[in-house]
C-alpha atoms as a PDB file:
ATOM      1  CA  UNK A   1      -8.772  26.747 -15.693  1.00  0.00           C
ATOM      2  CA  UNK A   2     -12.841  27.377 -16.328  1.00  0.00           C
ATOM      3  CA  UNK A   3     -14.088  29.870 -14.134  1.00  0.00           C
ATOM      4  CA  UNK A   4     -16.774  27.811 -12.604  1.00  0.00           C
ATOM      5  CA  UNK A   5     -13.944  24.617 -12.171  1.00  0.00           C
ATOM      6  CA  UNK A   6     -12.145  27.372 -10.257  1.00  0.00           C
ATOM      7  CA  UNK A   7     -15.366  28.435  -8.325  1.00  0.00           C
ATOM      8  CA  UNK A   8     -15.264  24.507  -6.506  1.00  0.00           C
ATOM      9  CA  UNK A   9     -11.965  24.274  -5.522  1.00  0.00           C
ATOM     10  CA  UNK A  10     -12.500  25.565  -1.743  1.00  0.00           C
ATOM     11  CA  UNK A  11      -8.319  25.640  -0.612  1.00  0.00           C
ATOM     12  CA  UNK A  12      -5.682  28.135  -1.387  1.00  0.00           C
ATOM     13  CA  UNK A  13      -5.019  27.386  -4.915  1.00  0.00           C
ATOM     14  CA  UNK A  14      -1.212  28.800  -4.974  1.00  0.00           C
ATOM     15  CA  UNK A  15      -0.832  26.267  -2.034  1.00  0.00           C
ATOM     16  CA  UNK A  16      -1.809  23.626  -3.582  1.00  0.00           C
ATOM     17  CA  UNK A  17      -0.073  24.236  -6.582  1.00  0.00           C
ATOM     18  CA  UNK A  18       2.858  24.188  -4.798  1.00  0.00           C
ATOM     19  CA  UNK A  19       2.045  21.168  -2.820  1.00  0.00           C
ATOM     20  CA  UNK A  20       1.457  19.720  -6.498  1.00  0.00           C
ATOM     21  CA  UNK A  21       4.284  20.654  -8.272  1.00  0.00           C
ATOM     22  CA  UNK A  22       6.454  19.456  -4.802  1.00  0.00           C
ATOM     23  CA  UNK A  23       4.253  16.147  -5.279  1.00  0.00           C
ATOM     24  CA  UNK A  24       4.854  16.168  -9.222  1.00  0.00           C
ATOM     25  CA  UNK A  25       8.649  16.626  -8.701  1.00  0.00           C
ATOM     26  CA  UNK A  26       8.637  13.148  -6.587  1.00  0.00           C
ATOM     27  CA  UNK A  27       6.728  11.734  -9.140  1.00  0.00           C
ATOM     28  CA  UNK A  28       9.309  12.285 -12.005  1.00  0.00           C
ATOM     29  CA  UNK A  29      12.447  11.740  -9.921  1.00  0.00           C
ATOM     30  CA  UNK A  30      11.359   8.410  -8.340  1.00  0.00           C
ATOM     31  CA  UNK A  31      10.174   7.299 -12.119  1.00  0.00           C
ATOM     32  CA  UNK A  32      13.711   7.586 -13.022  1.00  0.00           C
ATOM     33  CA  UNK A  33      15.134   6.346  -9.446  1.00  0.00           C
ATOM     34  CA  UNK A  34      13.189   2.967 -10.703  1.00  0.00           C
ATOM     35  CA  UNK A  35      13.930   2.815 -14.402  1.00  0.00           C
ATOM     36  CA  UNK A  36      17.943   3.136 -13.650  1.00  0.00           C
ATOM     37  CA  UNK A  37      17.181   0.419 -10.602  1.00  0.00           C
ATOM     38  CA  UNK A  38      15.163  -1.501 -12.916  1.00  0.00           C
ATOM     39  CA  UNK A  39      18.700  -1.410 -15.330  1.00  0.00           C
ATOM     40  CA  UNK A  40      21.075  -2.001 -12.883  1.00  0.00           C
ATOM     41  CA  UNK A  41      19.843  -4.188 -10.575  1.00  0.00           C
ATOM     42  CA  UNK A  42      22.347  -7.874  -9.760  1.00  0.00           C
ATOM     43  CA  UNK A  43      21.982 -10.254  -7.030  1.00  0.00           C
ATOM     44  CA  UNK A  44      18.871 -12.124  -5.523  1.00  0.00           C
ATOM     45  CA  UNK A  45      15.930 -12.348  -7.991  1.00  0.00           C
ATOM     46  CA  UNK A  46      17.252  -9.731  -9.754  1.00  0.00           C
ATOM     47  CA  UNK A  47      14.733 -10.781 -13.134  1.00  0.00           C
ATOM     48  CA  UNK A  48      11.555 -10.196 -10.667  1.00  0.00           C
ATOM     49  CA  UNK A  49      12.697  -7.316  -9.294  1.00  0.00           C
ATOM     50  CA  UNK A  50      14.019  -5.163 -12.060  1.00  0.00           C
ATOM     51  CA  UNK A  51      10.537  -6.444 -13.741  1.00  0.00           C
ATOM     52  CA  UNK A  52       8.583  -4.800 -10.461  1.00  0.00           C
ATOM     53  CA  UNK A  53      11.044  -1.331 -10.843  1.00  0.00           C
ATOM     54  CA  UNK A  54      10.013  -0.733 -14.215  1.00  0.00           C
ATOM     55  CA  UNK A  55       6.701  -1.551 -14.315  1.00  0.00           C
ATOM     56  CA  UNK A  56       6.998   1.098 -11.140  1.00  0.00           C
ATOM     57  CA  UNK A  57       8.825   3.585 -12.861  1.00  0.00           C
ATOM     58  CA  UNK A  58       6.149   3.145 -15.541  1.00  0.00           C
ATOM     59  CA  UNK A  59       3.293   3.965 -13.244  1.00  0.00           C
ATOM     60  CA  UNK A  60       5.407   6.927 -11.840  1.00  0.00           C
ATOM     61  CA  UNK A  61       5.557   8.650 -15.061  1.00  0.00           C
ATOM     62  CA  UNK A  62       1.494   8.283 -14.795  1.00  0.00           C
ATOM     63  CA  UNK A  63       1.305  10.268 -11.988  1.00  0.00           C
ATOM     64  CA  UNK A  64       3.360  12.393 -13.558  1.00  0.00           C
ATOM     65  CA  UNK A  65       1.220  12.930 -16.054  1.00  0.00           C
ATOM     66  CA  UNK A  66      -2.204  13.402 -14.602  1.00  0.00           C
ATOM     67  CA  UNK A  67      -0.592  15.491 -11.736  1.00  0.00           C
ATOM     68  CA  UNK A  68       0.648  18.100 -14.571  1.00  0.00           C
ATOM     69  CA  UNK A  69      -2.550  17.427 -16.340  1.00  0.00           C
ATOM     70  CA  UNK A  70      -4.155  19.091 -12.812  1.00  0.00           C
ATOM     71  CA  UNK A  71      -1.317  21.652 -12.268  1.00  0.00           C
ATOM     72  CA  UNK A  72      -1.899  23.639 -15.443  1.00  0.00           C
ATOM     73  CA  UNK A  73      -5.844  22.775 -15.201  1.00  0.00           C
ATOM     74  CA  UNK A  74      -5.733  24.849 -12.209  1.00  0.00           C
ATOM     75  CA  UNK A  75      -3.474  27.716 -13.821  1.00  0.00           C
ATOM     76  CA  UNK A  76      -0.408  26.653 -12.625  1.00  0.00           C
ATOM     77  CA  UNK A  77       2.882  26.244 -14.394  1.00  0.00           C
ATOM     78  CA  UNK A  78       5.040  22.831 -14.139  1.00  0.00           C
ATOM     79  CA  UNK A  79       8.600  22.582 -13.233  1.00  0.00           C
ATOM     80  CA  UNK A  80      10.388  22.303 -16.819  1.00  0.00           C
ATOM     81  CA  UNK A  81      14.191  21.319 -15.656  1.00  0.00           C
ATOM     82  CA  UNK A  82      16.192  18.929 -13.646  1.00  0.00           C
ATOM     83  CA  UNK A  83      17.582  21.658 -11.216  1.00  0.00           C
ATOM     84  CA  UNK A  84      14.130  22.842 -10.188  1.00  0.00           C
ATOM     85  CA  UNK A  85      13.034  18.465  -9.902  1.00  0.00           C
ATOM     86  CA  UNK A  86      16.201  18.727  -7.649  1.00  0.00           C
ATOM     87  CA  UNK A  87      15.136  21.759  -5.614  1.00  0.00           C
ATOM     88  CA  UNK A  88      11.285  21.516  -5.839  1.00  0.00           C
ATOM     89  CA  UNK A  89      10.976  17.838  -4.245  1.00  0.00           C
ATOM     90  CA  UNK A  90       9.806  16.514  -1.113  1.00  0.00           C
ATOM     91  CA  UNK A  91      11.144  12.767  -1.040  1.00  0.00           C
ATOM     92  CA  UNK A  92      14.397  14.189  -2.431  1.00  0.00           C
ATOM     93  CA  UNK A  93      16.551  11.412  -4.989  1.00  0.00           C
ATOM     94  CA  UNK A  94      18.926   8.525  -4.012  1.00  0.00           C
ATOM     95  CA  UNK A  95      20.594   7.291  -6.531  1.00  0.00           C
ATOM     96  CA  UNK A  96      21.138   3.451  -6.692  1.00  0.00           C
ATOM     97  CA  UNK A  97      24.833   3.251  -5.898  1.00  0.00           C
ATOM     98  CA  UNK A  98      24.420  -0.229  -4.556  1.00  0.00           C
ATOM     99  CA  UNK A  99      22.887  -1.762  -6.729  1.00  0.00           C
ATOM    100  CA  UNK A 100      22.390  -4.941  -4.722  1.00  0.00           C
ATOM    101  CA  UNK A 101      18.521  -5.949  -5.452  1.00  0.00           C
ATOM    102  CA  UNK A 102      18.162  -5.385  -1.390  1.00  0.00           C
ATOM    103  CA  UNK A 103      19.846  -2.085  -1.208  1.00  0.00           C
ATOM    104  CA  UNK A 104      17.043  -0.998  -4.222  1.00  0.00           C
ATOM    105  CA  UNK A 105      14.193  -2.787  -2.412  1.00  0.00           C
ATOM    106  CA  UNK A 106      15.358  -0.693   0.963  1.00  0.00           C
ATOM    107  CA  UNK A 107      16.167   2.375  -0.520  1.00  0.00           C
ATOM    108  CA  UNK A 108      12.260   2.645  -2.613  1.00  0.00           C
ATOM    109  CA  UNK A 109      10.216   1.501   0.226  1.00  0.00           C
ATOM    110  CA  UNK A 110      11.937   4.362   1.981  1.00  0.00           C
ATOM    111  CA  UNK A 111      10.958   6.517  -1.789  1.00  0.00           C
ATOM    112  CA  UNK A 112       7.105   4.952  -1.160  1.00  0.00           C
ATOM    113  CA  UNK A 113       6.724   5.410   2.647  1.00  0.00           C
ATOM    114  CA  UNK A 114       8.059   9.731   1.521  1.00  0.00           C
ATOM    115  CA  UNK A 115       5.133   9.467  -0.829  1.00  0.00           C
ATOM    116  CA  UNK A 116       2.370   8.045   1.156  1.00  0.00           C
ATOM    117  CA  UNK A 117       2.796  10.736   3.626  1.00  0.00           C
ATOM    118  CA  UNK A 118       3.233  13.776   0.858  1.00  0.00           C
ATOM    119  CA  UNK A 119      -0.205  12.130  -0.675  1.00  0.00           C
ATOM    120  CA  UNK A 120      -1.370  11.925   2.376  1.00  0.00           C
ATOM    121  CA  UNK A 121      -1.316  15.695   3.382  1.00  0.00           C
ATOM    122  CA  UNK A 122      -2.304  16.435   0.077  1.00  0.00           C
ATOM    123  CA  UNK A 123      -5.473  14.503   0.474  1.00  0.00           C
ATOM    124  CA  UNK A 124      -6.257  16.395   4.065  1.00  0.00           C
ATOM    125  CA  UNK A 125      -5.677  19.589   2.263  1.00  0.00           C
ATOM    126  CA  UNK A 126      -7.785  19.198  -0.385  1.00  0.00           C
ATOM    127  CA  UNK A 127     -10.587  16.355   0.893  1.00  0.00           C
ATOM    128  CA  UNK A 128     -14.308  18.121   0.829  1.00  0.00           C
ATOM    129  CA  UNK A 129     -12.788  21.249  -0.499  1.00  0.00           C
ATOM    130  CA  UNK A 130     -11.608  19.750  -4.115  1.00  0.00           C
ATOM    131  CA  UNK A 131     -13.261  16.881  -5.451  1.00  0.00           C
ATOM    132  CA  UNK A 132     -11.991  16.592  -8.478  1.00  0.00           C
ATOM    133  CA  UNK A 133      -7.954  16.942  -7.063  1.00  0.00           C
ATOM    134  CA  UNK A 134      -8.799  14.884  -4.240  1.00  0.00           C
ATOM    135  CA  UNK A 135     -10.307  12.197  -6.686  1.00  0.00           C
ATOM    136  CA  UNK A 136      -6.300  12.031  -8.529  1.00  0.00           C
ATOM    137  CA  UNK A 137      -4.655  12.602  -4.941  1.00  0.00           C
ATOM    138  CA  UNK A 138      -6.486   9.376  -3.905  1.00  0.00           C
ATOM    139  CA  UNK A 139      -5.946   7.136  -6.994  1.00  0.00           C
ATOM    140  CA  UNK A 140      -1.814   7.893  -6.526  1.00  0.00           C
ATOM    141  CA  UNK A 141      -2.261   7.321  -2.472  1.00  0.00           C
ATOM    142  CA  UNK A 142      -3.602   4.244  -3.820  1.00  0.00           C
ATOM    143  CA  UNK A 143      -0.935   3.305  -6.025  1.00  0.00           C
ATOM    144  CA  UNK A 144       1.969   4.216  -3.654  1.00  0.00           C
ATOM    145  CA  UNK A 145       0.451   1.960  -1.047  1.00  0.00           C
ATOM    146  CA  UNK A 146       0.986  -0.375  -2.877  1.00  0.00           C
ATOM    147  CA  UNK A 147       3.842  -0.170  -3.644  1.00  0.00           C
ATOM    148  CA  UNK A 148       5.337  -0.239  -0.619  1.00  0.00           C
ATOM    149  CA  UNK A 149       3.543  -3.281  -0.283  1.00  0.00           C
ATOM    150  CA  UNK A 150       4.713  -4.814  -3.360  1.00  0.00           C
ATOM    151  CA  UNK A 151       8.626  -4.019  -2.145  1.00  0.00           C
ATOM    152  CA  UNK A 152       7.867  -5.226   1.297  1.00  0.00           C
ATOM    153  CA  UNK A 153       6.600  -8.442  -0.355  1.00  0.00           C
ATOM    154  CA  UNK A 154       9.485  -8.923  -2.062  1.00  0.00           C
ATOM    155  CA  UNK A 155      12.019  -8.092   0.030  1.00  0.00           C
ATOM    156  CA  UNK A 156      10.508 -10.838   3.392  1.00  0.00           C
ATOM    157  CA  UNK A 157      10.720 -13.279   0.327  1.00  0.00           C
ATOM    158  CA  UNK A 158      14.486 -12.686  -0.237  1.00  0.00           C
ATOM    159  CA  UNK A 159      14.613 -13.762   3.884  1.00  0.00           C
ATOM    160  CA  UNK A 160      13.670 -17.240   2.774  1.00  0.00           C
ATOM    161  CA  UNK A 161      17.208 -19.212   2.695  1.00  0.00           C
ATOM    162  CA  UNK A 162      17.818 -20.416  -0.814  1.00  0.00           C
ATOM    163  CA  UNK A 163      18.032 -24.401  -0.453  1.00  0.00           C
ATOM    164  CA  UNK A 164      21.875 -25.752  -1.249  1.00  0.00           C
ATOM    165  CA  UNK A 165      21.056 -29.307  -2.279  1.00  0.00           C
ATOM    166  CA  UNK A 166      18.741 -29.894  -4.685  1.00  0.00           C
ATOM    167  CA  UNK A 167      15.780 -31.721  -4.532  1.00  0.00           C
ATOM    168  CA  UNK A 168      15.747 -35.421  -5.576  1.00  0.00           C
ATOM    169  CA  UNK A 169      12.530 -36.559  -6.445  1.00  0.00           C
ATOM    170  CA  UNK A 170      11.729 -40.111  -4.594  1.00  0.00           C
ATOM    171  CA  UNK A 171      12.403 -43.139  -7.283  1.00  0.00           C
ATOM    172  CA  UNK A 172       9.809 -44.295  -9.453  1.00  0.00           C
ATOM    173  CA  UNK A 173       8.274 -47.545  -7.923  1.00  0.00           C
ATOM    174  CA  UNK A 174       7.737 -50.256 -10.882  1.00  0.00           C
ATOM    175  CA  UNK A 175       4.532 -51.157 -11.147  1.00  0.00           C
ATOM    176  CA  UNK A 176       4.635 -55.545 -10.931  1.00  0.00           C
ATOM    177  CA  UNK A 177       3.244 -56.996 -14.003  1.00  0.00           C
ATOM    178  CA  UNK A 178       0.023 -58.713 -13.061  1.00  0.00           C
ATOM    179  CA  UNK A 179      -0.154 -62.333 -12.707  1.00  0.00           C
ATOM    180  CA  UNK A 180      -2.364 -63.481 -15.654  1.00  0.00           C
ATOM    181  CA  UNK A 181      -4.744 -66.724 -14.583  1.00  0.00           C
ATOM    182  CA  UNK A 182      -4.171 -69.897 -16.761  1.00  0.00           C
END
């Protein structure tokens, strides 16, 4: 990292790098959890849920890339093995052993809530002290809040009963031919 760029970081950089590497691990694990969930999803609203999970998987990977770039700018070293990702994280990895859409949504809501807590702590740590990292963390935090909301709304939609009876449209009324005057 450039000398002046490092000067503007008003926090303990080693502590920041440790916090960011844990968040980086969370993003990789979340990416994989969402990606697998999208592939194995079964049950109600499967297509819609799988599409949403796949979209979130892409966004989590984008977050990992943003964090990686900043970690390297700060002179840090990335976690480079799956074992390190599993060891150095905040939120863990919750394998989608129950592929039902409801279970997948519940599981990923829990993960998003952990991510929100993680990024709130990171934001509080850097707020007003590291403008570059603050901007990155705020952008990711906004996404995580949106993800939680998306998933909770889908879960709410699942609570709506599915009509067992087909909806029958009313019979069309035939128009009477107009009487013509002779």
